[in-house]
Amino acid sequence: MKWETLINDKRFGLEDYHDPKKNATRTDFRRDYDRLVFSSPFRRLQNKTQVFPLPGSIFVHNRLTHSMEVACVGKSMADNIALALRRKCAERGESTEHFDHLGDIVAAACLAHDLGNPPFGHSGEKAIGTFFSEGAGSFLRPLLTADQWSDLINFEGNANTFRLLTHQFKGRRQGGFAMTYSTLASVVKYPFESRLATKGKFGFFETERDDFLKVASELGMLCLSAPGEPLRYARHPLVYIVEAADDICYEVMDIEDAHKLKILSTAEVVDAFLSFFEPGRRAEMQATMDRVDDPNEKIAYLRSCVVGALVDRCAETFIANEEAILTGTFSGSLLHNIRELEREGYRRCTEISWNKIYRSAEVVDIELAGNRIITFLLERLVEAVTRPELNYSSLLLAKVPEQYDVNAPDLFGKIQAVLDHVSAMTDVYALDLYRKLKGLSLPAV
């Protein structure tokens, strides 16, 4: 792959209006970022669970604050990488101007990376997939194609993000958000279709297959599948930066949130965060912490040190493996290929998270409640779109926003309209609708 084609400010759905020679104070990549910040789907992230229940007496991360932090970390990493790439290309006598945009592209992709996630965290994705694979939605299997069924049982927030950004919803403009090609490609962490899904991960639904193909072809991304095989591409290089920023933020910030909620002790977190550093650096950091008494302030300081170290190591790894990344031969993530000291520290934090955070009572409770709520809503809405002649169905469908085409001409289109609606819900809206449909909450009279 070539950087000069990978960085492309053509807008999806607005290709006829593309003017590569225009002169503006804001680049189109910066416009992507701003467009996302002012969008309704982005604002709704403030009321979607990251890990811990919302709202609470202690303010923990939600999807919005997480996405903003990922954008900050991603931009820093991309800027570091861009600086090194400029030097390498300048030494070879190659053009370097396209590297000016790496930070803005990555920041926009980071802001967008969770837009397609349903309410109640990752358990919401699982609830949707299992509704079809082992729940009431299983009756649809013989009525759909193999590809459509695979999309449903492997429902994936990342694939749903690509749909949200590109799909022309009813009454809306062509091209969805009309994002630049490079930003769209940088969002797709798993550039293959659901028939190749690994652990439920894939990059685009069947309905957006041609859209992804259009973006990938324009950018010169490497196709790894033979004709007639399920579509698979090599990742756009900037995906590695977005992925690393996301992984750094959720791992480190989940531990900081768990400390604030007293799920983890100060000693446990200090020990885990110091493990990222050499003994000499640890002594310096310990001296800095000794100047303050507030344990939350100590952990915040350590967190910033860990994030900074991981950003530097990931940037170094990207530069060292640039050729493998561009040829599609790089294996694993950036974090899996950093030097051993930081990699072992990250592995230790991951182990703590799985053993003490993700199985904690607070997290399991929200997963159980979220699963029950999403399953119930899907049962009612799927019945409504498949049996619209019923009185209850017509009443329920009247509550669905007009942009979701519940009267689509084909069955899969109707089901996707349901998933578009449910996945866009905030935790609070989903809970409120659940209570109303259950008769547990009535409007004030």
Protein backbone atom coordinates (compact mmCIF):
# COMPACT_ATOMS: atom_id res chain seq x y z
CA MET A 1 0.00 0.00 0.00
CA LYS A 2 1.14 3.56 -0.67
CA TRP A 3 0.74 6.49 1.71
CA GLU A 4 -0.07 8.88 -1.10
CA THR A 5 -3.22 6.88 -1.97
CA LEU A 6 -4.05 5.80 1.60
CA ILE A 7 -4.50 9.47 2.59
CA ASN A 8 -7.51 10.65 0.58
CA ASP A 9 -9.91 13.47 1.46
CA LYS A 10 -12.62 12.42 -1.00
CA ARG A 11 -15.98 12.31 0.80
CA PHE A 12 -18.16 9.21 0.69
CA GLY A 13 -21.41 9.98 -1.13
CA LEU A 14 -20.14 13.37 -2.31
CA GLU A 15 -17.53 12.18 -4.78
CA ASP A 16 -18.93 14.38 -7.57
CA TYR A 17 -18.18 17.47 -5.50
CA HIS A 18 -14.58 16.55 -4.67
CA ASP A 19 -12.04 19.28 -5.32
CA PRO A 20 -8.52 18.17 -4.34
CA LYS A 21 -7.09 21.65 -5.09
CA LYS A 22 -9.37 23.64 -2.79
CA ASN A 23 -7.74 25.91 -0.25
CA ALA A 24 -9.43 26.12 3.18
CA THR A 25 -8.41 26.89 6.74
CA ARG A 26 -9.91 23.57 7.89
CA THR A 27 -8.95 20.38 6.10
CA ASP A 28 -11.65 17.84 5.28
CA PHE A 29 -10.14 15.53 7.88
CA ARG A 30 -10.57 18.20 10.53
CA ARG A 31 -14.14 18.66 9.29
CA ASP A 32 -14.69 14.95 9.91
CA TYR A 33 -13.71 15.45 13.53
CA ASP A 34 -15.91 18.51 13.99
CA ARG A 35 -18.85 16.86 12.22
CA LEU A 36 -18.70 13.94 14.64
CA VAL A 37 -18.52 16.16 17.72
CA PHE A 38 -21.72 17.98 16.71
CA SER A 39 -23.64 14.82 15.75
CA SER A 40 -26.52 13.26 17.67
CA PRO A 41 -25.04 9.73 17.71
CA PHE A 42 -21.88 11.10 19.34
CA ARG A 43 -23.85 13.01 22.00
CA ARG A 44 -25.82 9.86 22.81
CA LEU A 45 -22.59 8.16 23.87
CA GLN A 46 -22.71 10.15 27.11
CA ASN A 47 -25.53 7.89 28.25
CA LYS A 48 -24.08 4.56 27.15
CA THR A 49 -22.22 2.26 29.52
CA GLN A 50 -18.48 1.82 29.09
CA VAL A 51 -17.98 -0.80 31.83
CA PHE A 52 -19.56 0.35 35.07
CA PRO A 53 -23.26 1.22 35.62
CA LEU A 54 -24.48 4.73 34.77
CA PRO A 55 -25.31 7.04 36.39
CA GLY A 56 -23.66 6.66 39.80
CA SER A 57 -22.53 8.70 42.76
CA ILE A 58 -18.95 8.43 41.48
CA PHE A 59 -18.46 9.65 37.93
CA VAL A 60 -16.87 6.88 35.90
CA HIS A 61 -16.25 6.71 32.18
CA ASN A 62 -19.06 6.44 29.69
CA ARG A 63 -18.74 5.89 25.95
CA LEU A 64 -18.46 9.61 25.30
CA THR A 65 -15.62 10.37 27.72
CA HIS A 66 -13.89 7.17 26.62
CA SER A 67 -14.08 8.17 22.95
CA MET A 68 -12.74 11.66 23.68
CA GLU A 69 -9.78 10.23 25.57
CA VAL A 70 -9.10 7.71 22.82
CA ALA A 71 -9.05 10.60 20.33
CA CYS A 72 -6.50 12.48 22.46
CA VAL A 73 -4.25 9.43 22.81
CA GLY A 74 -4.66 8.46 19.16
CA LYS A 75 -3.76 11.92 17.92
CA SER A 76 -0.64 12.05 20.09
CA MET A 77 0.48 8.68 18.81
CA ALA A 78 -0.28 9.59 15.19
CA ASP A 79 1.61 12.87 15.51
CA ASN A 80 4.66 11.01 16.84
CA ILE A 81 4.45 8.54 13.97
CA ALA A 82 3.95 11.28 11.38
CA LEU A 83 7.09 13.06 12.59
CA ALA A 84 9.16 9.90 12.21
CA LEU A 85 7.64 9.09 8.81
CA ARG A 86 8.45 12.57 7.52
CA ARG A 87 12.09 12.00 8.43
CA LYS A 88 12.22 8.60 6.76
CA CYS A 89 10.57 9.82 3.57
CA ALA A 90 12.67 13.00 3.45
CA GLU A 91 15.82 10.88 3.62
CA ARG A 92 14.53 8.89 0.63
CA GLY A 93 13.62 12.07 -1.24
CA GLU A 94 9.90 11.26 -1.13
CA SER A 95 6.94 13.60 -0.58
CA THR A 96 5.93 14.07 3.05
CA GLU A 97 2.91 16.40 2.87
CA HIS A 98 0.32 13.61 3.29
CA PHE A 99 1.67 12.92 6.79
CA ASP A 100 0.40 16.33 7.89
CA HIS A 101 -3.08 14.82 8.18
CA LEU A 102 -2.40 11.65 10.17
CA GLY A 103 -3.30 13.18 13.54
CA ASP A 104 -6.65 14.58 12.37
CA ILE A 105 -7.65 11.36 10.59
CA VAL A 106 -6.84 9.20 13.60
CA ALA A 107 -8.55 11.60 16.01
CA ALA A 108 -11.75 11.52 13.94
CA ALA A 109 -11.67 7.73 13.63
CA CYS A 110 -11.16 7.44 17.39
CA LEU A 111 -14.17 9.65 18.05
CA ALA A 112 -16.27 7.46 15.76
CA HIS A 113 -15.03 4.02 16.78
CA ASP A 114 -17.83 3.29 19.29
CA LEU A 115 -20.76 5.02 17.55
CA GLY A 116 -22.32 1.71 16.50
CA ASN A 117 -22.19 0.08 19.93
CA PRO A 118 -25.58 -0.70 21.50
CA PRO A 119 -26.50 0.23 25.08
CA PHE A 120 -25.07 -1.59 28.11
CA GLY A 121 -21.52 -2.02 26.89
CA HIS A 122 -20.17 -5.05 25.08
CA SER A 123 -22.82 -7.22 26.74
CA GLY A 124 -25.32 -5.40 24.50
CA GLU A 125 -23.56 -6.74 21.40
CA LYS A 126 -23.66 -10.24 22.85
CA ALA A 127 -27.34 -9.91 23.72
CA ILE A 128 -28.20 -9.01 20.12
CA GLY A 129 -26.17 -11.85 18.62
CA THR A 130 -27.56 -14.48 20.99
CA PHE A 131 -31.13 -13.26 20.48
CA PHE A 132 -30.81 -14.66 16.96
CA SER A 133 -28.48 -17.61 17.55
CA GLU A 134 -30.19 -19.09 20.61
CA GLY A 135 -33.21 -16.91 21.40
CA ALA A 136 -36.58 -15.93 20.00
CA GLY A 137 -35.02 -14.61 16.78
CA SER A 138 -33.87 -18.07 15.70
CA PHE A 139 -37.10 -18.53 13.71
CA LEU A 140 -35.67 -16.16 11.09
CA ARG A 141 -32.82 -18.47 10.06
CA PRO A 142 -34.58 -20.29 7.19
CA LEU A 143 -35.99 -16.98 5.93
CA LEU A 144 -32.62 -15.29 5.38
CA THR A 145 -29.52 -15.92 3.29
CA ALA A 146 -26.42 -17.43 4.90
CA ASP A 147 -24.64 -14.06 4.79
CA GLN A 148 -27.56 -12.22 6.36
CA TRP A 149 -27.87 -14.80 9.12
CA SER A 150 -24.12 -14.60 9.78
CA ASP A 151 -24.40 -10.82 10.15
CA LEU A 152 -27.14 -11.19 12.78
CA ILE A 153 -25.63 -13.90 14.98
CA ASN A 154 -22.25 -12.14 14.93
CA PHE A 155 -23.65 -8.65 15.45
CA GLU A 156 -20.64 -6.38 15.92
CA GLY A 157 -20.46 -2.77 17.04
CA ASN A 158 -17.56 -1.99 14.70
CA ALA A 159 -19.49 -3.19 11.65
CA ASN A 160 -22.48 -1.22 12.88
CA THR A 161 -20.30 1.90 13.13
CA PHE A 162 -19.37 1.60 9.45
CA ARG A 163 -23.07 1.24 8.62
CA LEU A 164 -24.01 4.25 10.74
CA LEU A 165 -21.37 6.39 9.05
CA THR A 166 -22.17 5.35 5.45
CA HIS A 167 -25.80 4.23 5.24
CA GLN A 168 -28.43 6.54 3.78
CA PHE A 169 -31.16 6.32 6.39
CA LYS A 170 -34.69 7.18 5.36
CA GLY A 171 -35.03 10.89 4.66
CA ARG A 172 -31.31 11.50 5.19
CA ARG A 173 -28.60 12.44 2.73
CA GLN A 174 -26.66 10.06 0.53
CA GLY A 175 -23.39 8.87 2.04
CA GLY A 176 -24.51 9.00 5.65
CA PHE A 177 -22.07 11.22 7.52
CA ALA A 178 -20.23 11.84 4.22
CA MET A 179 -16.90 11.19 5.88
CA THR A 180 -13.59 11.15 4.03
CA TYR A 181 -12.49 7.81 2.64
CA SER A 182 -9.40 7.70 4.88
CA THR A 183 -11.38 8.29 8.07
CA LEU A 184 -13.89 5.59 7.14
CA ALA A 185 -11.16 3.04 6.44
CA SER A 186 -9.40 3.90 9.71
CA VAL A 187 -12.52 2.92 11.66
CA VAL A 188 -12.76 -0.63 10.24
CA LYS A 189 -10.71 -2.75 12.65
CA TYR A 190 -11.72 -6.03 11.03
CA PRO A 191 -11.74 -5.54 7.23
CA PHE A 192 -13.58 -8.73 6.33
CA GLU A 193 -17.17 -9.94 6.17
CA SER A 194 -19.03 -11.89 8.86
CA ARG A 195 -18.49 -15.31 7.27
CA LEU A 196 -14.84 -14.86 8.30
CA ALA A 197 -15.71 -13.55 11.77
CA THR A 198 -13.32 -14.56 14.54
CA LYS A 199 -14.82 -14.40 18.04
CA GLY A 200 -17.75 -12.50 16.51
CA LYS A 201 -15.52 -9.76 15.07
CA PHE A 202 -15.94 -8.48 11.51
CA GLY A 203 -15.97 -5.14 9.74
CA PHE A 204 -19.10 -4.60 7.67
CA PHE A 205 -22.55 -6.05 7.10
CA GLU A 206 -23.58 -7.56 3.79
CA THR A 207 -25.59 -4.41 3.06
CA GLU A 208 -22.42 -2.28 3.29
CA ARG A 209 -20.13 -4.72 1.48
CA ASP A 210 -20.07 -2.69 -1.73
CA ASP A 211 -19.55 0.52 0.23
CA PHE A 212 -16.50 -0.90 1.95
CA LEU A 213 -15.21 -2.29 -1.35
CA LYS A 214 -15.53 1.17 -2.88
CA VAL A 215 -13.54 2.78 -0.06
CA ALA A 216 -10.86 0.07 0.00
CA SER A 217 -10.39 0.14 -3.77
CA GLU A 218 -10.09 3.93 -3.88
CA LEU A 219 -7.42 3.90 -1.16
CA GLY A 220 -5.43 1.06 -2.69
CA MET A 221 -5.89 -1.25 0.30
CA LEU A 222 -4.65 -4.80 -0.25
CA CYS A 223 -7.26 -7.45 -1.04
CA LEU A 224 -6.27 -10.75 0.59
CA SER A 225 -9.10 -12.92 -0.75
CA ALA A 226 -9.27 -14.74 -4.06
CA PRO A 227 -12.21 -14.20 -6.44
CA GLY A 228 -15.30 -16.00 -5.18
CA GLU A 229 -14.05 -16.16 -1.58
CA PRO A 230 -15.47 -14.09 1.29
CA LEU A 231 -14.07 -10.57 1.12
CA ARG A 232 -10.97 -9.88 3.22
CA TYR A 233 -8.61 -6.90 3.08
CA ALA A 234 -5.43 -5.90 4.83
CA ARG A 235 -6.04 -3.20 7.41
CA HIS A 236 -5.60 0.45 6.58
CA PRO A 237 -2.37 1.30 8.48
CA LEU A 238 -4.05 3.94 10.64
CA VAL A 239 -6.36 1.27 12.08
CA TYR A 240 -3.41 0.03 14.13
CA ILE A 241 -3.10 3.45 15.78
CA VAL A 242 -6.84 3.72 16.49
CA GLU A 243 -6.86 0.20 17.93
CA ALA A 244 -3.84 0.86 20.16
CA ALA A 245 -5.32 4.12 21.48
CA ASP A 246 -8.59 2.34 22.27
CA ASP A 247 -6.86 -0.56 24.01
CA ILE A 248 -4.63 1.74 26.06
CA CYS A 249 -7.54 3.88 27.22
CA TYR A 250 -9.98 1.16 28.15
CA GLU A 251 -7.39 -0.94 29.96
CA VAL A 252 -5.77 1.85 31.95
CA MET A 253 -8.93 3.88 32.59
CA ASP A 254 -10.99 0.85 33.62
CA ILE A 255 -8.43 0.21 36.34
CA GLU A 256 -8.55 3.84 37.46
CA ASP A 257 -12.37 3.70 37.57
CA ALA A 258 -12.23 0.46 39.55
CA HIS A 259 -9.95 2.18 42.06
CA LYS A 260 -12.40 5.06 42.47
CA LEU A 261 -15.20 2.54 43.05
CA LYS A 262 -12.98 0.72 45.61
CA ILE A 263 -13.03 -2.50 43.62
CA LEU A 264 -9.22 -2.29 43.53
CA SER A 265 -7.05 -1.00 46.36
CA THR A 266 -4.55 1.82 45.97
CA ALA A 267 -1.68 -0.60 46.64
CA GLU A 268 -2.86 -2.97 43.90
CA VAL A 269 -3.10 -0.22 41.29
CA VAL A 270 0.20 1.42 42.26
CA ASP A 271 1.96 -1.94 42.02
CA ALA A 272 0.40 -2.69 38.62
CA PHE A 273 1.15 0.73 37.11
CA LEU A 274 4.74 0.84 38.40
CA SER A 275 5.41 -2.51 36.70
CA PHE A 276 5.58 -0.66 33.35
CA PHE A 277 8.85 1.05 34.35
CA GLU A 278 12.50 0.32 35.11
CA PRO A 279 13.58 0.42 38.81
CA GLY A 280 15.25 3.84 38.48
CA ARG A 281 12.16 5.42 36.94
CA ARG A 282 9.95 3.76 39.57
CA ALA A 283 11.94 5.45 42.35
CA GLU A 284 11.45 8.86 40.70
CA MET A 285 7.71 8.24 40.33
CA GLN A 286 7.42 7.09 43.94
CA ALA A 287 9.08 10.31 45.08
CA THR A 288 6.59 12.34 43.05
CA MET A 289 3.65 10.43 44.57
CA ASP A 290 5.00 11.03 48.07
CA ARG A 291 4.37 14.76 47.59
CA VAL A 292 0.59 14.27 47.62
CA ASP A 293 -1.73 12.50 50.04
CA ASP A 294 -4.84 12.02 47.90
CA PRO A 295 -4.79 8.41 46.60
CA ASN A 296 -6.87 9.36 43.54
CA GLU A 297 -4.26 12.00 42.65
CA LYS A 298 -1.49 9.40 42.97
CA ILE A 299 -3.31 7.03 40.63
CA ALA A 300 -4.06 9.81 38.14
CA TYR A 301 -0.34 10.67 38.01
CA LEU A 302 0.63 7.03 37.47
CA ARG A 303 -2.06 6.64 34.82
CA SER A 304 -0.68 9.56 32.84
CA CYS A 305 2.81 8.06 33.01
CA VAL A 306 1.59 4.66 31.80
CA VAL A 307 -0.38 6.15 28.91
CA GLY A 308 2.61 8.24 27.86
CA ALA A 309 4.93 5.25 27.93
CA LEU A 310 2.55 3.08 25.91
CA VAL A 311 2.02 5.84 23.32
CA ASP A 312 5.79 6.09 22.82
CA ARG A 313 6.30 2.33 22.57
CA CYS A 314 3.41 1.87 20.12
CA ALA A 315 4.71 4.69 17.92
CA GLU A 316 8.16 3.10 17.88
CA THR A 317 6.64 -0.27 16.99
CA PHE A 318 4.65 1.23 14.12
CA ILE A 319 7.73 2.89 12.63
CA ALA A 320 9.84 -0.24 13.04
CA ASN A 321 7.20 -2.31 11.27
CA GLU A 322 6.01 0.21 8.67
CA GLU A 323 6.99 -1.99 5.72
CA ALA A 324 5.18 -5.04 7.13
CA ILE A 325 2.10 -2.93 7.85
CA LEU A 326 2.04 -1.55 4.30
CA THR A 327 2.47 -5.01 2.78
CA GLY A 328 -0.22 -6.56 4.97
CA THR A 329 2.20 -8.97 6.65
CA PHE A 330 2.28 -7.41 10.13
CA SER A 331 0.86 -9.81 12.71
CA GLY A 332 -1.06 -8.85 15.84
CA SER A 333 -1.61 -5.41 17.31
CA LEU A 334 0.93 -2.71 18.11
CA LEU A 335 0.57 -3.44 21.83
CA HIS A 336 1.34 -7.12 21.26
CA ASN A 337 4.62 -6.14 19.62
CA ILE A 338 6.01 -3.48 21.98
CA ARG A 339 9.10 -4.23 24.05
CA GLU A 340 8.80 -6.82 26.80
CA LEU A 341 8.75 -4.53 29.87
CA GLU A 342 5.66 -2.55 28.84
CA ARG A 343 4.06 -5.58 27.21
CA GLU A 344 4.32 -7.50 30.48
CA GLY A 345 2.88 -4.53 32.39
CA TYR A 346 -0.06 -4.39 30.00
CA ARG A 347 -0.59 -8.16 30.30
CA ARG A 348 -0.65 -7.83 34.07
CA CYS A 349 -3.28 -5.08 33.91
CA THR A 350 -5.37 -7.20 31.55
CA GLU A 351 -5.24 -10.08 34.02
CA ILE A 352 -6.36 -7.83 36.87
CA SER A 353 -9.21 -6.47 34.76
CA TRP A 354 -10.55 -9.91 33.86
CA ASN A 355 -10.21 -11.32 37.36
CA LYS A 356 -11.37 -8.38 39.46
CA ILE A 357 -13.24 -5.86 37.29
CA TYR A 358 -15.22 -7.49 34.49
CA ARG A 359 -16.53 -10.19 36.83
CA SER A 360 -17.30 -7.78 39.69
CA ALA A 361 -20.88 -7.63 40.99
CA GLU A 362 -21.43 -4.12 39.63
CA VAL A 363 -20.44 -5.10 36.11
CA VAL A 364 -22.27 -8.44 36.07
CA ASP A 365 -25.44 -6.77 37.33
CA ILE A 366 -25.47 -4.30 34.43
CA GLU A 367 -24.79 -7.11 31.97
CA LEU A 368 -27.69 -9.17 33.30
CA ALA A 369 -30.08 -6.22 33.25
CA GLY A 370 -28.90 -5.10 29.82
CA ASN A 371 -29.34 -8.56 28.38
CA ARG A 372 -32.90 -8.81 29.69
CA ILE A 373 -33.84 -5.33 28.42
CA ILE A 374 -32.34 -5.70 24.93
CA THR A 375 -33.75 -9.20 24.49
CA PHE A 376 -37.24 -8.02 25.43
CA LEU A 377 -37.10 -5.01 23.11
CA LEU A 378 -35.89 -7.17 20.22
CA GLU A 379 -38.68 -9.69 20.81
CA ARG A 380 -41.34 -7.00 20.63
CA LEU A 381 -39.85 -5.04 17.72
CA VAL A 382 -39.03 -8.07 15.56
CA GLU A 383 -42.57 -9.36 16.07
CA ALA A 384 -43.89 -5.91 15.12
CA VAL A 385 -41.99 -5.70 11.80
CA THR A 386 -42.76 -9.31 10.87
CA ARG A 387 -46.43 -9.07 11.86
CA PRO A 388 -47.31 -5.40 11.22
CA GLU A 389 -51.01 -6.21 10.80
CA LEU A 390 -51.41 -6.68 14.57
CA ASN A 391 -52.81 -3.77 16.57
CA TYR A 392 -49.97 -3.90 19.10
CA SER A 393 -47.45 -3.88 16.24
CA SER A 394 -48.85 -0.73 14.68
CA LEU A 395 -48.81 1.04 18.06
CA LEU A 396 -45.22 0.03 18.74
CA LEU A 397 -43.94 0.83 15.25
CA ALA A 398 -45.41 4.32 15.56
CA LYS A 399 -42.78 4.98 18.25
CA VAL A 400 -39.86 4.08 15.97
CA PRO A 401 -38.09 7.16 14.51
CA GLU A 402 -38.91 7.68 10.82
CA GLN A 403 -35.28 7.35 9.71
CA TYR A 404 -35.43 3.61 10.43
CA ASP A 405 -37.29 1.93 7.58
CA VAL A 406 -39.45 -0.61 9.39
CA ASN A 407 -41.47 -0.96 6.16
CA ALA A 408 -38.45 -1.94 4.06
CA PRO A 409 -39.35 -4.09 1.03
CA ASP A 410 -37.36 -7.11 2.26
CA LEU A 411 -37.28 -8.98 5.57
CA PHE A 412 -33.60 -8.35 6.27
CA GLY A 413 -34.14 -4.62 5.74
CA LYS A 414 -36.90 -4.68 8.36
CA ILE A 415 -34.68 -6.56 10.83
CA GLN A 416 -31.84 -4.13 10.24
CA ALA A 417 -34.19 -1.22 10.93
CA VAL A 418 -34.94 -2.80 14.30
CA LEU A 419 -31.22 -3.21 15.03
CA ASP A 420 -30.52 0.36 13.91
CA HIS A 421 -33.15 1.58 16.37
CA VAL A 422 -32.08 -0.59 19.32
CA SER A 423 -28.35 -0.06 18.89
CA ALA A 424 -28.84 3.73 18.77
CA MET A 425 -30.67 3.75 22.13
CA THR A 426 -28.99 5.08 25.26
CA ASP A 427 -29.07 2.97 28.41
CA VAL A 428 -31.68 5.27 29.94
CA TYR A 429 -33.94 5.29 26.87
CA ALA A 430 -33.79 1.49 26.54
CA LEU A 431 -34.66 1.07 30.22
CA ASP A 432 -37.50 3.60 29.98
CA LEU A 433 -38.97 1.92 26.89
CA TYR A 434 -38.66 -1.48 28.56
CA ARG A 435 -40.60 -0.27 31.58
CA LYS A 436 -43.30 1.30 29.44
CA LEU A 437 -43.78 -1.78 27.28
CA LYS A 438 -43.90 -3.92 30.42
CA GLY A 439 -46.56 -1.65 31.90
CA LEU A 440 -44.25 -0.74 34.77
CA SER A 441 -44.16 2.95 33.87
CA LEU A 442 -47.03 5.07 32.66
CA PRO A 443 -47.13 8.70 31.48
CA ALA A 444 -48.31 11.18 34.10
CA VAL A 445 -52.04 11.79 33.87
